[in-house]
Protein backbone atom coordinates (compact mmCIF):
# COMPACT_ATOMS: atom_id res chain seq x y z
CA MET A 1 -25.40 1.51 -4.63
CA GLN A 2 -26.19 -2.14 -5.36
CA LEU A 3 -25.35 -3.16 -8.89
CA LYS A 4 -27.72 -6.04 -9.56
CA LEU A 5 -27.21 -8.75 -12.08
CA VAL A 6 -28.70 -12.05 -12.98
CA LEU A 7 -26.08 -14.71 -12.33
CA LEU A 8 -25.68 -17.82 -14.39
CA LEU A 9 -27.82 -20.70 -13.16
CA ALA A 10 -24.73 -22.77 -12.65
CA ILE A 11 -23.58 -20.46 -9.89
CA PHE A 12 -26.55 -21.26 -7.69
CA GLY A 13 -26.45 -24.99 -7.50
CA LEU A 14 -22.93 -26.11 -8.18
CA ALA A 15 -22.46 -29.52 -6.68
CA LYS A 16 -19.49 -29.51 -4.38
CA ILE A 17 -16.74 -31.75 -5.56
CA ARG A 18 -15.15 -31.93 -2.11
CA SER A 19 -16.48 -32.66 1.36
CA GLU A 20 -16.26 -29.56 3.48
CA MET A 21 -14.16 -29.61 6.63
CA ARG A 22 -16.09 -28.57 9.72
CA TYR A 23 -14.75 -26.74 12.75
CA ASP A 24 -17.34 -27.80 15.33
CA ASN A 25 -16.15 -26.88 18.84
CA TYR A 26 -12.77 -25.68 17.61
CA LYS A 27 -11.66 -22.90 19.92
CA VAL A 28 -9.37 -19.90 19.51
CA TYR A 29 -7.25 -18.84 22.47
CA LYS A 30 -5.41 -15.60 23.09
CA VAL A 31 -2.10 -16.58 24.66
CA ASN A 32 0.34 -14.04 26.05
CA ILE A 33 3.99 -14.82 25.33
CA GLU A 34 6.11 -13.40 28.14
CA ASN A 35 9.48 -15.06 27.56
CA MET A 36 11.44 -17.13 25.07
CA GLN A 37 10.79 -20.34 27.00
CA GLN A 38 7.06 -19.90 26.47
CA PHE A 39 7.57 -19.03 22.81
CA GLU A 40 9.69 -22.13 22.19
CA LEU A 41 7.29 -24.36 24.13
CA ILE A 42 4.32 -23.34 21.99
CA ASN A 43 6.33 -23.96 18.81
CA ALA A 44 7.47 -27.35 20.08
CA LYS A 45 3.88 -28.44 20.74
CA GLU A 46 2.47 -27.23 17.43
CA LYS A 47 2.26 -30.62 15.75
CA ALA A 48 1.38 -32.76 18.77
CA LEU A 49 -1.49 -30.49 19.83
CA GLN A 50 -2.55 -29.60 16.27
CA LEU A 51 -2.12 -25.90 16.92
CA SER A 52 -3.08 -23.49 14.13
CA SER A 53 -1.75 -19.98 14.53
CA TRP A 54 -4.09 -17.23 13.38
CA ARG A 55 -1.76 -14.55 14.62
CA GLU A 56 1.72 -14.93 16.09
CA ALA A 57 3.10 -12.79 18.89
CA ARG A 58 5.34 -10.17 17.30
CA HIS A 59 7.51 -9.66 20.37
CA LEU A 60 7.78 -10.78 23.99
CA GLY A 61 4.83 -9.38 25.91
CA ASP A 62 2.56 -9.68 22.88
CA SER A 63 -0.08 -12.37 22.34
CA SER A 64 -0.77 -15.12 19.82
CA ASP A 65 -4.19 -16.22 18.57
CA ILE A 66 -4.17 -20.02 18.44
CA MET A 67 -6.89 -22.39 17.21
CA LEU A 68 -7.21 -25.99 18.44
CA PRO A 69 -9.52 -28.93 17.72
CA PRO A 70 -11.65 -30.31 20.59
CA GLN A 71 -9.48 -33.37 21.21
CA THR A 72 -6.38 -31.36 22.20
CA GLN A 73 -7.95 -28.46 24.08
CA GLN A 74 -7.74 -30.04 27.53
CA ALA A 75 -4.08 -30.91 27.08
CA PHE A 76 -3.39 -27.40 25.78
CA GLU A 77 -5.05 -25.75 28.77
CA GLN A 78 -3.17 -28.05 31.14
CA LEU A 79 0.07 -27.03 29.44
CA LEU A 80 -0.75 -23.33 29.70
CA ASN A 81 -1.72 -23.61 33.36
CA SER A 82 1.31 -25.69 34.33
CA GLN A 83 3.69 -23.23 32.64
CA ASN A 84 2.00 -20.11 34.03
CA PHE A 85 0.80 -18.70 30.71
CA ASN A 86 -1.71 -15.88 30.80
CA TYR A 87 -4.46 -16.75 28.35
CA SER A 88 -8.12 -16.26 27.55
CA LEU A 89 -10.72 -17.81 25.28
CA LYS A 90 -11.52 -15.66 22.24
CA ILE A 91 -13.78 -17.89 20.16
CA ASP A 92 -15.72 -20.73 21.76
CA ASN A 93 -16.91 -22.44 18.57
CA VAL A 94 -15.31 -21.57 15.24
CA GLN A 95 -17.98 -23.37 13.22
CA THR A 96 -20.67 -21.04 14.58
CA LEU A 97 -18.87 -18.07 13.02
CA ILE A 98 -18.33 -19.93 9.75
CA ASP A 99 -22.03 -20.78 9.58
CA ALA A 100 -22.84 -17.10 10.12
CA GLN A 101 -20.76 -16.23 7.04
CA ARG A 102 -22.79 -18.52 4.79
CA PRO A 103 -25.94 -17.02 3.31
CA LYS A 104 -29.07 -19.08 3.95
CA GLN A 105 -30.04 -18.37 0.36
CA ARG A 106 -27.76 -16.95 -2.31
CA THR A 107 -29.08 -13.83 -3.96
CA GLY A 108 -29.27 -13.41 -7.72
CA TYR A 109 -27.30 -10.20 -7.70
CA MET A 110 -24.11 -8.67 -6.35
CA GLU A 111 -24.53 -7.08 -2.97
CA TRP A 112 -22.42 -6.57 0.10
CA THR A 113 -24.61 -8.21 2.71
CA GLN A 114 -23.05 -11.60 1.98
CA TYR A 115 -19.70 -13.06 0.95
CA HIS A 116 -19.50 -14.03 -2.70
CA THR A 117 -17.85 -16.94 -4.50
CA LEU A 118 -15.28 -16.52 -7.25
CA ASP A 119 -17.88 -17.37 -9.90
CA GLU A 120 -20.20 -14.69 -8.57
CA ILE A 121 -17.44 -12.09 -8.48
CA TYR A 122 -16.41 -12.94 -12.04
CA ALA A 123 -20.01 -12.81 -13.28
CA TRP A 124 -20.23 -9.33 -11.76
CA LEU A 125 -16.99 -8.27 -13.47
CA ASP A 126 -18.51 -9.36 -16.77
CA VAL A 127 -21.43 -7.02 -16.19
CA LEU A 128 -19.14 -4.14 -15.26
CA GLU A 129 -17.09 -4.62 -18.41
CA GLU A 130 -20.22 -4.45 -20.54
CA ARG A 131 -21.98 -1.66 -18.68
CA TYR A 132 -18.96 0.62 -18.21
CA SER A 133 -16.96 -0.25 -21.31
CA ASP A 134 -15.71 3.32 -21.68
CA ILE A 135 -14.23 3.26 -18.16
CA VAL A 136 -13.48 -0.38 -17.37
CA THR A 137 -10.76 -2.37 -19.13
CA PRO A 138 -10.61 -6.04 -18.15
CA PHE A 139 -7.32 -7.88 -17.89
CA THR A 140 -6.18 -11.38 -17.03
CA ILE A 141 -2.66 -11.92 -15.74
CA GLY A 142 -2.77 -15.65 -16.55
CA ASN A 143 -4.14 -18.88 -15.14
CA SER A 144 -3.61 -20.45 -11.74
CA TYR A 145 -2.13 -23.88 -11.02
CA GLU A 146 -5.62 -25.41 -11.23
CA GLY A 147 -6.34 -23.54 -14.46
CA ARG A 148 -8.53 -20.69 -13.24
CA PRO A 149 -8.11 -17.26 -14.84
CA ILE A 150 -6.78 -14.57 -12.52
CA ARG A 151 -8.81 -11.55 -13.51
CA GLY A 152 -8.61 -7.86 -12.79
CA ILE A 153 -9.97 -4.59 -14.06
CA LYS A 154 -8.49 -1.21 -14.82
CA ILE A 155 -10.73 1.76 -14.04
CA SER A 156 -9.69 4.88 -15.93
CA TYR A 157 -11.76 7.95 -16.74
CA LYS A 158 -9.05 9.67 -18.76
CA GLU A 159 -5.55 9.20 -20.11
CA GLY A 160 -2.49 10.37 -18.25
CA ASN A 161 -3.61 9.59 -14.71
CA PRO A 162 -1.17 8.22 -12.13
CA ALA A 163 -2.06 4.69 -11.03
CA VAL A 164 -2.71 2.66 -7.90
CA PHE A 165 -2.35 -1.13 -8.07
CA ILE A 166 -4.29 -3.29 -5.59
CA GLU A 167 -4.11 -7.06 -5.22
CA SER A 168 -6.55 -8.67 -2.81
CA ASN A 169 -7.20 -12.08 -1.27
CA ILE A 170 -3.65 -13.33 -1.76
CA HIS A 171 -4.39 -15.34 1.40
CA ALA A 172 -7.46 -17.46 0.70
CA ARG A 173 -9.21 -17.24 4.07
CA GLU A 174 -9.22 -13.43 4.18
CA TRP A 175 -12.64 -13.04 2.57
CA ILE A 176 -13.21 -9.52 3.87
CA THR A 177 -10.53 -8.28 1.45
CA SER A 178 -12.29 -9.21 -1.79
CA ALA A 179 -15.63 -8.15 -0.32
CA THR A 180 -14.16 -4.75 0.54
CA ILE A 181 -12.41 -4.17 -2.76
CA THR A 182 -15.44 -5.12 -4.86
CA TYR A 183 -17.47 -2.56 -2.89
CA PHE A 184 -14.73 -0.01 -3.59
CA ILE A 185 -14.85 -0.82 -7.30
CA ASP A 186 -18.58 -0.15 -7.23
CA GLU A 187 -17.93 3.19 -5.53
CA LEU A 188 -15.41 4.19 -8.20
CA LEU A 189 -17.87 3.45 -10.98
CA VAL A 190 -20.82 5.25 -9.40
CA PRO A 191 -19.16 7.72 -7.02
CA GLY A 192 -21.46 9.55 -4.66
CA LYS A 193 -19.25 11.74 -2.50
CA PRO A 194 -16.99 14.43 -3.99
CA GLY A 195 -13.86 12.79 -2.57
CA THR A 196 -14.65 9.44 -4.14
CA LYS A 197 -15.53 11.10 -7.43
CA ASP A 198 -12.18 12.89 -7.40
CA ILE A 199 -10.06 9.78 -6.86
CA ALA A 200 -12.13 7.88 -9.43
CA LYS A 201 -11.69 10.43 -12.19
CA ASN A 202 -8.11 11.54 -11.51
CA VAL A 203 -6.41 8.25 -10.59
CA ASP A 204 -6.25 5.01 -12.58
CA TRP A 205 -7.00 1.90 -10.53
CA TYR A 206 -5.67 -1.56 -11.38
CA ILE A 207 -7.50 -4.02 -9.12
CA ILE A 208 -7.31 -7.81 -8.82
CA PRO A 209 -10.17 -8.77 -6.45
CA VAL A 210 -8.92 -12.35 -5.89
CA LEU A 211 -5.29 -13.17 -6.61
CA ASN A 212 -5.20 -16.59 -4.94
CA VAL A 213 -8.10 -17.97 -6.95
CA ASP A 214 -7.45 -21.66 -6.24
CA GLY A 215 -7.10 -21.16 -2.51
CA PHE A 216 -10.14 -18.90 -2.44
CA VAL A 217 -12.34 -21.52 -4.11
CA TYR A 218 -10.92 -24.18 -1.76
CA SER A 219 -11.77 -22.01 1.25
CA HIS A 220 -15.37 -21.81 0.01
CA GLU A 221 -15.77 -25.47 -0.89
CA ALA A 222 -13.55 -27.46 1.44
CA VAL A 223 -11.46 -25.81 4.18
CA ARG A 224 -12.74 -22.41 5.25
CA LEU A 225 -9.49 -21.37 6.95
CA TRP A 226 -7.15 -22.35 4.11
CA ARG A 227 -4.42 -19.73 3.61
CA LYS A 228 -2.01 -20.84 0.88
CA SER A 229 -2.15 -21.58 -2.83
CA ARG A 230 -2.99 -25.09 -4.06
CA PHE A 231 0.33 -25.83 -5.75
CA PRO A 232 1.64 -29.16 -4.38
CA SER A 233 5.10 -28.96 -2.90
CA ASP A 234 6.02 -32.44 -4.05
CA PRO A 235 4.01 -35.04 -5.98
CA SER A 236 4.54 -37.57 -3.20
CA LEU A 237 2.96 -35.17 -0.69
CA THR A 238 -0.11 -34.25 -2.74
CA GLY A 239 -3.14 -34.15 -0.46
CA TYR A 240 -1.04 -33.43 2.62
CA CYS A 241 1.53 -30.68 2.14
CA ILE A 242 -0.01 -28.49 -0.50
CA GLY A 243 0.33 -24.80 -1.14
CA THR A 244 2.67 -21.85 -0.97
CA ASP A 245 2.27 -18.70 1.07
CA LEU A 246 2.04 -16.43 -1.94
CA ASN A 247 3.00 -13.39 0.11
CA ARG A 248 6.39 -14.99 0.77
CA ASN A 249 6.98 -15.99 -2.87
CA PHE A 250 7.98 -12.67 -4.48
CA ASN A 251 11.50 -12.35 -5.84
CA TYR A 252 12.91 -9.81 -3.43
CA ARG A 253 15.00 -11.05 -0.51
CA TRP A 254 13.13 -14.33 -0.84
CA MET A 255 13.47 -16.67 2.17
CA LEU A 256 15.66 -14.20 4.05
CA ILE A 257 13.48 -14.05 7.17
CA GLY A 258 9.92 -14.61 8.33
CA ALA A 259 9.28 -17.46 5.90
CA SER A 260 9.58 -21.24 6.08
CA ASP A 261 11.21 -23.87 3.88
CA ASN A 262 8.88 -26.52 5.33
CA PRO A 263 6.19 -27.30 2.72
CA CYS A 264 3.71 -28.06 5.50
CA ALA A 265 4.12 -24.67 7.18
CA GLU A 266 1.60 -21.86 6.73
CA THR A 267 4.43 -19.51 5.74
CA TYR A 268 6.11 -21.88 3.26
CA ALA A 269 7.77 -19.62 0.70
CA GLY A 270 7.82 -22.17 -2.11
CA PRO A 271 10.76 -24.08 -3.59
CA SER A 272 12.04 -20.91 -5.27
CA ALA A 273 11.09 -17.28 -5.75
CA GLU A 274 8.07 -16.89 -8.05
CA SER A 275 7.62 -20.65 -8.14
CA ASP A 276 3.85 -20.17 -8.11
CA LEU A 277 2.05 -19.01 -11.23
CA GLU A 278 -0.01 -16.48 -9.33
CA ILE A 279 3.11 -14.52 -8.40
CA SER A 280 5.22 -15.02 -11.53
CA GLN A 281 2.30 -13.91 -13.71
CA LEU A 282 1.46 -10.96 -11.48
CA THR A 283 4.99 -9.60 -11.63
CA SER A 284 5.21 -10.33 -15.36
CA TYR A 285 1.99 -8.40 -15.98
CA ILE A 286 3.25 -5.38 -14.07
CA ASP A 287 6.65 -5.61 -15.79
CA ASN A 288 5.30 -5.93 -19.32
CA GLN A 289 1.85 -4.36 -19.42
CA ILE A 290 2.16 -1.27 -17.23
CA PRO A 291 4.79 1.33 -18.14
CA ASP A 292 7.46 1.86 -15.50
CA GLY A 293 6.71 4.83 -13.31
CA THR A 294 2.95 4.66 -13.84
CA ILE A 295 2.15 2.93 -10.54
CA LYS A 296 2.65 5.31 -7.63
CA ILE A 297 1.01 3.24 -4.88
CA TYR A 298 0.95 -0.55 -4.51
CA ILE A 299 -1.43 -2.15 -2.02
CA SER A 300 -1.67 -5.75 -0.90
CA LEU A 301 -4.98 -6.08 0.93
CA HIS A 302 -5.11 -8.47 3.91
CA SER A 303 -6.79 -9.17 7.21
CA TYR A 304 -6.65 -8.97 10.19
CA GLY A 305 -5.09 -6.55 12.70
CA GLN A 306 -5.83 -3.00 11.46
CA TYR A 307 -2.37 -2.08 10.18
CA VAL A 308 -0.81 -0.11 7.34
CA LEU A 309 2.60 -1.73 6.89
CA SER A 310 5.42 -0.40 4.74
CA PRO A 311 8.89 -1.72 3.91
CA TRP A 312 11.14 -2.84 5.27
CA GLY A 313 9.92 -6.21 6.36
CA HIS A 314 13.27 -7.96 6.43
CA THR A 315 14.94 -5.66 8.97
CA ALA A 316 14.02 -3.38 11.83
CA GLU A 317 17.49 -1.85 11.84
CA GLU A 318 17.08 0.35 8.77
CA PHE A 319 14.34 2.09 6.83
CA PRO A 320 13.84 2.71 3.11
CA GLU A 321 14.76 6.04 1.57
CA HIS A 322 11.11 7.02 1.11
CA TYR A 323 10.00 5.98 4.60
CA PRO A 324 8.91 9.54 5.59
CA GLN A 325 6.69 9.72 2.50
CA MET A 326 5.30 6.26 3.24
CA MET A 327 4.37 7.31 6.75
CA ALA A 328 2.81 10.59 5.62
CA VAL A 329 0.54 8.77 3.18
CA ALA A 330 -0.24 6.01 5.70
CA LYS A 331 -1.25 8.71 8.19
CA GLY A 332 -3.55 10.21 5.57
CA PHE A 333 -5.22 6.82 5.14
CA ALA A 334 -5.56 6.13 8.87
CA ASP A 335 -6.77 9.63 9.76
CA ALA A 336 -9.46 9.59 7.08
CA LEU A 337 -10.57 6.07 7.93
CA VAL A 338 -10.94 6.65 11.67
CA ARG A 339 -13.37 9.50 11.10
CA ARG A 340 -16.01 7.12 9.71
CA TYR A 341 -16.53 4.70 12.60
CA GLY A 342 -13.63 5.34 14.95
CA THR A 343 -11.62 2.33 13.75
CA VAL A 344 -7.96 2.87 14.60
CA PHE A 345 -5.21 1.65 12.27
CA THR A 346 -1.57 1.46 13.33
CA TYR A 347 1.06 2.31 10.72
CA GLY A 348 4.78 1.71 10.42
CA SER A 349 7.26 -0.63 8.80
CA SER A 350 6.43 -4.34 8.91
CA ALA A 351 9.54 -5.24 10.86
CA THR A 352 9.06 -2.61 13.57
CA THR A 353 5.27 -2.71 13.77
CA LEU A 354 4.25 -6.34 13.28
CA TYR A 355 6.95 -8.88 12.44
CA GLU A 356 9.91 -9.46 10.15
CA VAL A 357 9.05 -10.87 6.75
CA SER A 358 10.67 -11.18 3.34
CA GLY A 359 9.46 -12.08 -0.13
CA SER A 360 6.24 -10.08 0.17
CA GLY A 361 4.46 -8.04 -2.48
CA LYS A 362 5.13 -4.63 -1.02
CA GLU A 363 8.85 -5.40 -0.64
CA TRP A 364 9.03 -6.41 -4.30
CA ALA A 365 7.06 -3.33 -5.36
CA TYR A 366 9.54 -1.04 -3.65
CA GLY A 367 12.79 -2.98 -3.96
CA VAL A 368 12.37 -4.08 -7.59
CA LYS A 369 9.82 -1.75 -9.21
CA ASN A 370 10.76 1.41 -7.30
CA ILE A 371 7.13 2.16 -6.44
CA THR A 372 7.38 4.93 -3.87
CA ILE A 373 4.38 4.02 -1.71
CA PRO A 374 3.87 0.26 -1.17
CA TYR A 375 1.79 -1.19 1.65
CA THR A 376 0.35 -4.28 3.15
CA ILE A 377 -2.97 -3.15 4.63
CA GLU A 378 -4.51 -5.42 7.26
CA LEU A 379 -8.25 -4.77 7.62
CA ARG A 380 -10.49 -5.32 10.65
CA ASP A 381 -10.62 -6.59 13.27
CA LYS A 382 -8.11 -6.77 16.13
CA GLY A 383 -8.74 -10.47 16.59
CA ASP A 384 -12.09 -10.92 18.34
CA LEU A 385 -13.42 -12.62 15.21
CA GLY A 386 -10.25 -12.63 13.13
CA PHE A 387 -10.77 -14.11 9.67
CA LEU A 388 -14.46 -14.74 10.35
CA LEU A 389 -16.05 -11.31 10.28
CA PRO A 390 -19.82 -11.64 9.76
CA PRO A 391 -21.41 -10.38 6.56
CA THR A 392 -22.89 -7.47 8.51
CA ASP A 393 -19.35 -6.09 8.84
CA ILE A 394 -18.67 -5.95 5.09
CA ILE A 395 -20.29 -2.59 4.37
CA PRO A 396 -18.85 -0.79 7.43
CA VAL A 397 -15.35 -2.10 6.63
CA ALA A 398 -15.69 -1.20 2.96
CA ARG A 399 -17.03 2.27 3.69
CA GLU A 400 -14.22 3.15 6.06
CA VAL A 401 -11.60 1.78 3.67
CA THR A 402 -13.08 3.88 0.87
CA GLU A 403 -12.70 6.94 3.10
CA GLY A 404 -9.17 5.80 3.85
CA PHE A 405 -8.29 5.62 0.16
CA VAL A 406 -9.60 9.15 -0.33
CA GLY A 407 -7.34 10.32 2.49
CA MET A 408 -4.42 8.34 1.11
CA ILE A 409 -4.66 9.98 -2.30
CA ALA A 410 -4.97 13.43 -0.73
CA ALA A 411 -1.87 12.84 1.39
CA ALA A 412 0.09 11.50 -1.59
CA ARG A 413 -0.75 14.64 -3.54
CA GLU A 414 0.36 16.88 -0.69
CA ILE A 415 3.87 15.46 -0.77
CA GLY A 416 4.08 15.28 -4.57
CA VAL A 417 3.83 11.51 -5.02
CA LEU A 418 0.75 11.90 -7.22
């Protein structure tokens, strides 16, 4: 169902206040990492060759997806050939994929055949709040560093339901996440299938479509592949080393592993836990506005890789007490999702399945808030297009994820979590 609305005129023709970075002839390589020498060599050349890692190898024998500008590609290929790397070209021209994500003409209504800006998403939320006032309760957790409200909605058909909390687009460049979750919101409000109707009416849903609002706007207006927040690490570095990886900034085992203390790194965890307003206000909202024990499932929606990742992230040597329940519910999600289009999701703990990480949302949800089922869910794809899925993929991804959520709720009920 397409919920149409007339958007404010300002949304159509906003003059861009920044010049937009282009990625003409940037390439993305898939590089197999066979030994520690190769791993260390790539890391050592990161700055000199202007390497940008889209995906890092999670173990020896795995591969990294690495983007380079035109001026360093020849040197990079010479390095790979001289050191006997196995590699292949995944994306020949990044800008071509970015251009394909931009609508030739913005529509005057919310639909899922194009990616939407923050203003468009918020205008749509306004309509939902008015049209479904008996079901939809708006909330704002606070304002971002640049002063933008961080908005969410609660969807509840009746009192006493258990709750699921979903935060999306914590990493700015992962546009498919907010596109998917807005589609899911639409499904909850006008459910067609019995399974969707069931989870809409018998579960409360707290959903923040875009958590990293500043980074999201920046990725639309200036640097498409921006990941972090826009909080400057130091006034003297403003304009160069800006932003925190918000999914490393939660106050649970902060900076233990899988995060950086370098303000210029993509995984910079911030100067302290909850240093960024987006995270401190998110945790404060959950602490103070949602009764303890209400949230049964916490989801941080990401891309890409097709994973359902549970705690622990900080260690592969031990597993949380509720790991069997986490895997049972993850299986329910993956099994239901695959039936739609055959998309396969891998599930397991972060540390054993993908990589070690600390200070993430799901770790905080479990370690601090005692939420039994917390996940990071990485949506499509496996890396062929990575962060640059075309608009034609939005509806298929959103439909399969909706099926996955139906399966997730069913599995959680079977083991008594809901």
